[in-house]
Amino acid sequence: MFGLRYERTRRLAEPMAYSNFGAIPIFSLSGMGNVALKCHQPFDVIAFDEHGYHNGFSELDSELSEISCDTLNQLGVSVLVYFTDPMGANFNVHEAKYVAERYNIKLCEVNLPFSVMHLGKWDDSQWRIFDNRLTRALSEIGVRNERYQS
């Protein structure tokens, strides 16, 4: 179960509320293939899926864990895409590279002029920028954008 708080923000209140009853530490809607898109929350995974990006996943914790890397590796993921904005990444990239390398997962940064949040409110120009930068970043490491492979 996952939800976002609808009430006014309190100082110590976490903006997301969730419960994990399963053994799998990631949320995804379908098989990811070779490339996985690291999302901040499950709602972003759903929004990506609606726009043709069926390889999104999110974790209950914002950091990339060994359990998640092991799960992604078992699912056949070899490239993990993460997004940065003018404020940087929303997790410790240095630590994530160390963990991912142990599972033969290559990290691929996609820098955007806006944050990857509230995808349902994105306009066509934001989706175009996102798609172009994702395709360019993947092609630089020799991988295709899986949105166009089906």
N, C-alpha and C. Protein backbone atom coordinates (compact mmCIF):
# COMPACT_ATOMS: atom_id res chain seq x y z
N MET A 1 0.85 -1.18 0.00
CA MET A 1 0.00 0.00 0.00
C MET A 1 0.89 1.23 0.00
N PHE A 2 0.48 2.24 -0.75
CA PHE A 2 1.27 3.45 -0.87
C PHE A 2 0.32 4.63 -0.97
N GLY A 3 0.68 5.74 -0.39
CA GLY A 3 -0.14 6.93 -0.51
C GLY A 3 0.67 8.18 -0.22
N LEU A 4 0.16 9.30 -0.66
CA LEU A 4 0.77 10.59 -0.35
C LEU A 4 -0.13 11.30 0.66
N ARG A 5 0.47 11.99 1.61
CA ARG A 5 -0.32 12.71 2.61
C ARG A 5 -1.06 13.86 1.95
N TYR A 6 -2.31 14.02 2.33
CA TYR A 6 -3.15 15.07 1.77
C TYR A 6 -3.29 16.24 2.74
N GLU A 7 -2.90 16.06 3.98
CA GLU A 7 -3.04 17.10 4.99
C GLU A 7 -1.90 18.10 4.92
N ARG A 8 -2.04 19.20 5.66
CA ARG A 8 -0.96 20.17 5.72
C ARG A 8 0.29 19.51 6.27
N THR A 9 1.41 19.94 5.76
CA THR A 9 2.68 19.34 6.15
C THR A 9 3.03 19.69 7.59
N ARG A 10 3.39 18.68 8.34
CA ARG A 10 3.90 18.88 9.70
C ARG A 10 5.41 18.76 9.65
N ARG A 11 6.08 19.30 10.62
CA ARG A 11 7.54 19.34 10.59
C ARG A 11 8.18 17.97 10.46
N LEU A 12 7.72 17.00 11.20
CA LEU A 12 8.36 15.70 11.21
C LEU A 12 7.60 14.65 10.40
N ALA A 13 6.55 15.07 9.71
CA ALA A 13 5.74 14.11 8.96
C ALA A 13 6.39 13.78 7.62
N GLU A 14 6.48 12.53 7.32
CA GLU A 14 6.99 12.07 6.03
C GLU A 14 5.92 12.34 4.97
N PRO A 15 6.27 12.89 3.79
CA PRO A 15 5.25 13.19 2.78
C PRO A 15 4.64 11.94 2.16
N MET A 16 5.32 10.79 2.28
CA MET A 16 4.79 9.54 1.74
C MET A 16 4.50 8.59 2.88
N ALA A 17 3.46 7.79 2.73
CA ALA A 17 3.13 6.76 3.70
C ALA A 17 3.03 5.44 2.95
N TYR A 18 3.62 4.39 3.49
CA TYR A 18 3.58 3.12 2.80
C TYR A 18 3.73 1.96 3.78
N SER A 19 3.30 0.80 3.33
CA SER A 19 3.49 -0.44 4.08
C SER A 19 4.00 -1.47 3.10
N ASN A 20 4.96 -2.26 3.52
CA ASN A 20 5.52 -3.29 2.67
C ASN A 20 5.24 -4.65 3.29
N PHE A 21 4.35 -5.40 2.66
CA PHE A 21 4.01 -6.72 3.18
C PHE A 21 4.65 -7.82 2.36
N GLY A 22 5.22 -7.51 1.23
CA GLY A 22 5.80 -8.51 0.36
C GLY A 22 7.30 -8.59 0.53
N ALA A 23 7.90 -9.55 -0.16
CA ALA A 23 9.34 -9.74 -0.07
C ALA A 23 10.08 -8.91 -1.09
N ILE A 24 9.42 -8.49 -2.17
CA ILE A 24 10.11 -7.75 -3.22
C ILE A 24 10.23 -6.27 -2.80
N PRO A 25 11.42 -5.72 -2.85
CA PRO A 25 11.63 -4.36 -2.35
C PRO A 25 11.34 -3.26 -3.36
N ILE A 26 10.90 -3.62 -4.55
CA ILE A 26 10.64 -2.61 -5.57
C ILE A 26 9.21 -2.72 -6.07
N PHE A 27 8.71 -1.62 -6.63
CA PHE A 27 7.39 -1.59 -7.24
C PHE A 27 7.57 -1.37 -8.73
N SER A 28 7.05 -2.27 -9.52
CA SER A 28 7.06 -2.11 -10.97
C SER A 28 5.77 -2.70 -11.51
N LEU A 29 5.35 -2.24 -12.68
CA LEU A 29 4.10 -2.72 -13.26
C LEU A 29 4.28 -3.89 -14.20
N SER A 30 5.47 -4.03 -14.76
CA SER A 30 5.69 -5.12 -15.72
C SER A 30 7.17 -5.46 -15.75
N GLY A 31 7.52 -6.46 -16.54
CA GLY A 31 8.93 -6.82 -16.69
C GLY A 31 9.70 -5.66 -17.27
N MET A 32 10.89 -5.41 -16.78
CA MET A 32 11.61 -4.22 -17.16
C MET A 32 12.54 -4.39 -18.34
N GLY A 33 13.01 -5.56 -18.62
CA GLY A 33 13.95 -5.73 -19.71
C GLY A 33 15.34 -5.32 -19.30
N ASN A 34 16.11 -4.79 -20.22
CA ASN A 34 17.51 -4.45 -20.02
C ASN A 34 17.70 -3.15 -19.25
N VAL A 35 16.80 -2.19 -19.44
CA VAL A 35 16.94 -0.85 -18.86
C VAL A 35 15.79 -0.60 -17.89
N ALA A 36 16.11 -0.06 -16.71
CA ALA A 36 15.10 0.30 -15.72
C ALA A 36 15.21 1.78 -15.40
N LEU A 37 14.06 2.43 -15.23
CA LEU A 37 14.00 3.85 -14.88
C LEU A 37 13.71 3.98 -13.39
N LYS A 38 14.61 4.60 -12.64
CA LYS A 38 14.43 4.76 -11.20
C LYS A 38 13.50 5.95 -10.94
N CYS A 39 12.35 5.65 -10.36
CA CYS A 39 11.35 6.67 -10.06
C CYS A 39 11.34 6.96 -8.56
N HIS A 40 10.83 8.12 -8.23
CA HIS A 40 10.80 8.54 -6.83
C HIS A 40 9.68 7.84 -6.05
N GLN A 41 8.57 7.55 -6.70
CA GLN A 41 7.42 6.96 -6.03
C GLN A 41 6.61 6.10 -7.01
N PRO A 42 5.76 5.21 -6.50
CA PRO A 42 4.96 4.35 -7.38
C PRO A 42 4.05 5.11 -8.34
N PHE A 43 3.55 6.27 -7.95
CA PHE A 43 2.69 7.03 -8.86
C PHE A 43 3.45 7.47 -10.12
N ASP A 44 4.74 7.73 -9.97
CA ASP A 44 5.56 8.07 -11.14
C ASP A 44 5.71 6.87 -12.06
N VAL A 45 5.83 5.67 -11.50
CA VAL A 45 5.91 4.45 -12.30
C VAL A 45 4.64 4.29 -13.14
N ILE A 46 3.51 4.55 -12.53
CA ILE A 46 2.22 4.43 -13.23
C ILE A 46 2.12 5.49 -14.33
N ALA A 47 2.54 6.72 -14.05
CA ALA A 47 2.50 7.79 -15.06
C ALA A 47 3.44 7.48 -16.22
N PHE A 48 4.63 6.97 -15.93
CA PHE A 48 5.54 6.57 -17.00
C PHE A 48 4.91 5.48 -17.86
N ASP A 49 4.29 4.51 -17.23
CA ASP A 49 3.66 3.41 -17.95
C ASP A 49 2.58 3.93 -18.90
N GLU A 50 1.82 4.90 -18.47
CA GLU A 50 0.77 5.48 -19.31
C GLU A 50 1.34 6.20 -20.52
N HIS A 51 2.59 6.63 -20.46
CA HIS A 51 3.23 7.33 -21.58
C HIS A 51 4.17 6.43 -22.37
N GLY A 52 4.06 5.12 -22.17
CA GLY A 52 4.82 4.16 -22.97
C GLY A 52 6.13 3.71 -22.40
N TYR A 53 6.50 4.19 -21.22
CA TYR A 53 7.74 3.75 -20.57
C TYR A 53 7.36 2.67 -19.56
N HIS A 54 7.42 1.42 -19.98
CA HIS A 54 6.95 0.31 -19.16
C HIS A 54 8.04 -0.26 -18.26
N ASN A 55 9.18 0.38 -18.20
CA ASN A 55 10.31 -0.16 -17.44
C ASN A 55 10.65 0.67 -16.20
N GLY A 56 9.67 1.35 -15.64
CA GLY A 56 9.90 2.13 -14.44
C GLY A 56 9.79 1.28 -13.18
N PHE A 57 10.50 1.70 -12.14
CA PHE A 57 10.37 1.05 -10.83
C PHE A 57 10.63 2.09 -9.75
N SER A 58 10.15 1.80 -8.57
CA SER A 58 10.46 2.66 -7.42
C SER A 58 10.73 1.77 -6.22
N GLU A 59 11.43 2.35 -5.27
CA GLU A 59 11.74 1.65 -4.03
C GLU A 59 11.01 2.35 -2.90
N LEU A 60 10.83 1.63 -1.81
CA LEU A 60 10.18 2.26 -0.66
C LEU A 60 11.13 3.24 0.02
N ASP A 61 12.42 3.03 -0.14
CA ASP A 61 13.40 3.97 0.38
C ASP A 61 14.00 4.69 -0.82
N SER A 62 14.42 5.92 -0.65
CA SER A 62 14.95 6.66 -1.80
C SER A 62 16.34 6.19 -2.21
N GLU A 63 17.08 5.54 -1.31
CA GLU A 63 18.42 5.05 -1.64
C GLU A 63 18.34 3.73 -2.38
N LEU A 64 19.31 3.49 -3.24
CA LEU A 64 19.39 2.23 -3.97
C LEU A 64 20.04 1.19 -3.06
N SER A 65 19.28 0.17 -2.70
CA SER A 65 19.77 -0.83 -1.75
C SER A 65 20.33 -2.05 -2.47
N GLU A 66 21.08 -2.85 -1.73
CA GLU A 66 21.61 -4.09 -2.29
C GLU A 66 20.49 -5.06 -2.63
N ILE A 67 19.46 -5.09 -1.81
CA ILE A 67 18.33 -5.98 -2.08
C ILE A 67 17.66 -5.59 -3.39
N SER A 68 17.50 -4.29 -3.61
CA SER A 68 16.90 -3.82 -4.86
C SER A 68 17.79 -4.15 -6.05
N CYS A 69 19.09 -3.94 -5.92
CA CYS A 69 20.02 -4.27 -7.01
C CYS A 69 19.98 -5.76 -7.33
N ASP A 70 19.92 -6.58 -6.30
CA ASP A 70 19.84 -8.03 -6.51
C ASP A 70 18.56 -8.38 -7.25
N THR A 71 17.45 -7.77 -6.85
CA THR A 71 16.17 -8.02 -7.51
C THR A 71 16.21 -7.56 -8.96
N LEU A 72 16.74 -6.37 -9.21
CA LEU A 72 16.85 -5.86 -10.57
C LEU A 72 17.74 -6.76 -11.43
N ASN A 73 18.83 -7.23 -10.86
CA ASN A 73 19.73 -8.13 -11.57
C ASN A 73 19.01 -9.41 -11.95
N GLN A 74 18.23 -9.96 -11.04
CA GLN A 74 17.47 -11.18 -11.32
C GLN A 74 16.41 -10.95 -12.39
N LEU A 75 15.92 -9.73 -12.51
CA LEU A 75 14.93 -9.40 -13.53
C LEU A 75 15.58 -9.10 -14.89
N GLY A 76 16.91 -9.13 -14.96
CA GLY A 76 17.62 -8.93 -16.22
C GLY A 76 18.04 -7.50 -16.50
N VAL A 77 17.97 -6.63 -15.52
CA VAL A 77 18.34 -5.23 -15.70
C VAL A 77 19.86 -5.10 -15.68
N SER A 78 20.42 -4.43 -16.68
CA SER A 78 21.86 -4.17 -16.70
C SER A 78 22.16 -2.67 -16.72
N VAL A 79 21.16 -1.83 -17.00
CA VAL A 79 21.32 -0.38 -17.00
C VAL A 79 20.21 0.23 -16.15
N LEU A 80 20.62 1.05 -15.19
CA LEU A 80 19.65 1.73 -14.33
C LEU A 80 19.73 3.22 -14.61
N VAL A 81 18.65 3.80 -15.06
CA VAL A 81 18.58 5.23 -15.38
C VAL A 81 18.07 5.97 -14.16
N TYR A 82 18.80 7.03 -13.79
CA TYR A 82 18.33 7.90 -12.73
C TYR A 82 18.32 9.33 -13.27
N PHE A 83 17.53 10.17 -12.63
CA PHE A 83 17.31 11.52 -13.13
C PHE A 83 17.86 12.55 -12.15
N THR A 84 18.47 13.59 -12.73
CA THR A 84 18.92 14.72 -11.94
C THR A 84 18.27 15.99 -12.48
N ASP A 85 18.17 16.96 -11.62
CA ASP A 85 17.63 18.27 -11.99
C ASP A 85 18.62 19.32 -11.49
N PRO A 86 18.31 20.59 -11.57
CA PRO A 86 19.26 21.60 -11.08
C PRO A 86 19.68 21.43 -9.62
N MET A 87 18.89 20.71 -8.83
CA MET A 87 19.22 20.46 -7.43
C MET A 87 20.03 19.18 -7.25
N GLY A 88 20.26 18.43 -8.32
CA GLY A 88 21.01 17.17 -8.24
C GLY A 88 20.08 15.97 -8.18
N ALA A 89 20.60 14.85 -7.75
CA ALA A 89 19.81 13.62 -7.61
C ALA A 89 19.16 13.60 -6.24
N ASN A 90 18.10 12.80 -6.09
CA ASN A 90 17.41 12.74 -4.81
C ASN A 90 17.88 11.54 -3.97
N PHE A 91 19.09 11.04 -4.27
CA PHE A 91 19.68 9.96 -3.50
C PHE A 91 21.20 10.06 -3.62
N ASN A 92 21.93 9.27 -2.86
CA ASN A 92 23.37 9.29 -2.85
C ASN A 92 23.90 8.51 -4.06
N VAL A 93 24.28 9.21 -5.10
CA VAL A 93 24.70 8.58 -6.36
C VAL A 93 26.01 7.82 -6.17
N HIS A 94 26.94 8.37 -5.40
CA HIS A 94 28.22 7.70 -5.18
C HIS A 94 28.01 6.33 -4.53
N GLU A 95 27.19 6.28 -3.52
CA GLU A 95 26.89 5.00 -2.85
C GLU A 95 26.15 4.06 -3.80
N ALA A 96 25.22 4.60 -4.59
CA ALA A 96 24.46 3.77 -5.53
C ALA A 96 25.38 3.15 -6.59
N LYS A 97 26.36 3.91 -7.07
CA LYS A 97 27.30 3.37 -8.06
C LYS A 97 28.09 2.21 -7.48
N TYR A 98 28.51 2.35 -6.24
CA TYR A 98 29.24 1.29 -5.57
C TYR A 98 28.40 0.02 -5.45
N VAL A 99 27.15 0.17 -5.02
CA VAL A 99 26.27 -0.99 -4.85
C VAL A 99 25.93 -1.60 -6.21
N ALA A 100 25.57 -0.77 -7.18
CA ALA A 100 25.17 -1.28 -8.50
C ALA A 100 26.30 -2.01 -9.20
N GLU A 101 27.51 -1.51 -9.04
CA GLU A 101 28.67 -2.13 -9.68
C GLU A 101 28.85 -3.58 -9.22
N ARG A 102 28.54 -3.85 -7.98
CA ARG A 102 28.67 -5.21 -7.45
C ARG A 102 27.69 -6.18 -8.11
N TYR A 103 26.62 -5.65 -8.70
CA TYR A 103 25.61 -6.48 -9.37
C TYR A 103 25.66 -6.32 -10.89
N ASN A 104 26.76 -5.77 -11.39
CA ASN A 104 26.94 -5.56 -12.84
C ASN A 104 25.84 -4.72 -13.46
N ILE A 105 25.40 -3.71 -12.72
CA ILE A 105 24.40 -2.78 -13.22
C ILE A 105 25.09 -1.44 -13.44
N LYS A 106 24.95 -0.92 -14.65
CA LYS A 106 25.55 0.37 -15.01
C LYS A 106 24.53 1.48 -14.74
N LEU A 107 24.97 2.56 -14.10
CA LEU A 107 24.09 3.70 -13.87
C LEU A 107 24.20 4.68 -15.03
N CYS A 108 23.08 5.24 -15.41
CA CYS A 108 23.01 6.20 -16.51
C CYS A 108 22.26 7.43 -16.03
N GLU A 109 22.94 8.57 -16.00
CA GLU A 109 22.33 9.82 -15.54
C GLU A 109 21.64 10.53 -16.69
N VAL A 110 20.43 11.01 -16.44
CA VAL A 110 19.70 11.86 -17.38
C VAL A 110 19.42 13.16 -16.66
N ASN A 111 20.08 14.24 -17.12
CA ASN A 111 19.91 15.54 -16.50
C ASN A 111 18.78 16.28 -17.18
N LEU A 112 17.85 16.79 -16.37
CA LEU A 112 16.69 17.51 -16.88
C LEU A 112 16.61 18.90 -16.25
N PRO A 113 16.01 19.85 -16.95
CA PRO A 113 15.86 21.20 -16.37
C PRO A 113 14.72 21.29 -15.36
N PHE A 114 14.03 20.19 -15.11
CA PHE A 114 12.92 20.14 -14.16
C PHE A 114 12.99 18.81 -13.43
N SER A 115 12.32 18.71 -12.29
CA SER A 115 12.38 17.47 -11.52
C SER A 115 11.37 16.46 -12.07
N VAL A 116 11.67 15.20 -11.87
CA VAL A 116 10.80 14.12 -12.34
C VAL A 116 9.80 13.83 -11.22
N MET A 117 8.81 14.71 -11.13
CA MET A 117 7.73 14.59 -10.15
C MET A 117 6.46 15.12 -10.79
N HIS A 118 5.33 14.69 -10.29
CA HIS A 118 4.02 15.15 -10.77
C HIS A 118 3.93 14.99 -12.29
N LEU A 119 4.24 13.79 -12.77
CA LEU A 119 4.29 13.55 -14.21
C LEU A 119 2.95 13.75 -14.88
N GLY A 120 1.88 13.57 -14.15
CA GLY A 120 0.55 13.78 -14.72
C GLY A 120 0.29 15.22 -15.12
N LYS A 121 1.08 16.15 -14.60
CA LYS A 121 0.93 17.57 -14.92
C LYS A 121 1.89 18.05 -15.99
N TRP A 122 2.75 17.14 -16.50
CA TRP A 122 3.70 17.54 -17.53
C TRP A 122 2.98 17.87 -18.83
N ASP A 123 3.48 18.88 -19.54
CA ASP A 123 2.92 19.19 -20.85
C ASP A 123 3.74 18.47 -21.93
N ASP A 124 3.33 18.63 -23.18
CA ASP A 124 3.99 17.92 -24.29
C ASP A 124 5.47 18.29 -24.42
N SER A 125 5.80 19.56 -24.16
CA SER A 125 7.21 19.95 -24.30
C SER A 125 8.08 19.28 -23.24
N GLN A 126 7.57 19.11 -22.03
CA GLN A 126 8.33 18.42 -21.00
C GLN A 126 8.56 16.95 -21.38
N TRP A 127 7.53 16.31 -21.92
CA TRP A 127 7.68 14.91 -22.34
C TRP A 127 8.68 14.79 -23.49
N ARG A 128 8.67 15.76 -24.42
CA ARG A 128 9.63 15.74 -25.53
C ARG A 128 11.07 15.90 -25.02
N ILE A 129 11.27 16.86 -24.11
CA ILE A 129 12.60 17.07 -23.52
C ILE A 129 13.05 15.80 -22.81
N PHE A 130 12.13 15.24 -22.02
CA PHE A 130 12.46 14.01 -21.29
C PHE A 130 12.87 12.90 -22.25
N ASP A 131 12.07 12.68 -23.28
CA ASP A 131 12.33 11.59 -24.22
C ASP A 131 13.64 11.80 -24.97
N ASN A 132 13.89 13.02 -25.43
CA ASN A 132 15.13 13.31 -26.16
C ASN A 132 16.36 13.11 -25.28
N ARG A 133 16.31 13.59 -24.06
CA ARG A 133 17.47 13.46 -23.18
C ARG A 133 17.69 12.02 -22.74
N LEU A 134 16.61 11.29 -22.52
CA LEU A 134 16.73 9.88 -22.17
C LEU A 134 17.35 9.09 -23.32
N THR A 135 16.85 9.31 -24.53
CA THR A 135 17.37 8.61 -25.71
C THR A 135 18.84 8.93 -25.92
N ARG A 136 19.22 10.20 -25.78
CA ARG A 136 20.61 10.62 -25.96
C ARG A 136 21.53 9.98 -24.91
N ALA A 137 21.11 10.00 -23.64
CA ALA A 137 21.94 9.43 -22.57
C ALA A 137 22.12 7.93 -22.76
N LEU A 138 21.07 7.24 -23.17
CA LEU A 138 21.18 5.80 -23.39
C LEU A 138 22.05 5.48 -24.60
N SER A 139 21.91 6.27 -25.67
CA SER A 139 22.72 6.00 -26.86
C SER A 139 24.20 6.24 -26.59
N GLU A 140 24.53 7.15 -25.68
CA GLU A 140 25.94 7.40 -25.34
C GLU A 140 26.60 6.20 -24.67
N ILE A 141 25.80 5.34 -24.04
CA ILE A 141 26.39 4.14 -23.43
C ILE A 141 26.07 2.89 -24.25
N GLY A 142 25.53 3.09 -25.45
CA GLY A 142 25.31 1.98 -26.37
C GLY A 142 24.03 1.19 -26.15
N VAL A 143 23.01 1.83 -25.59
CA VAL A 143 21.74 1.17 -25.31
C VAL A 143 20.62 1.96 -25.98
N ARG A 144 19.59 1.26 -26.42
CA ARG A 144 18.45 1.93 -27.03
C ARG A 144 17.37 2.23 -26.01
N ASN A 145 16.60 3.25 -26.27
CA ASN A 145 15.44 3.59 -25.46
C ASN A 145 14.40 2.49 -25.66
N GLU A 146 14.08 1.74 -24.63
CA GLU A 146 13.19 0.57 -24.76
C GLU A 146 11.77 0.95 -25.12
N ARG A 147 11.42 2.20 -25.00
CA ARG A 147 10.07 2.62 -25.39
C ARG A 147 9.86 2.36 -26.88
N TYR A 148 10.92 2.41 -27.68
CA TYR A 148 10.80 2.26 -29.11
C TYR A 148 11.16 0.87 -29.60
N GLN A 149 11.35 -0.08 -28.69
CA GLN A 149 11.76 -1.42 -29.11
C GLN A 149 10.59 -2.34 -29.33
N SER A 150 9.41 -2.00 -28.84
CA SER A 150 8.27 -2.90 -29.03
C SER A 150 7.50 -2.59 -30.28
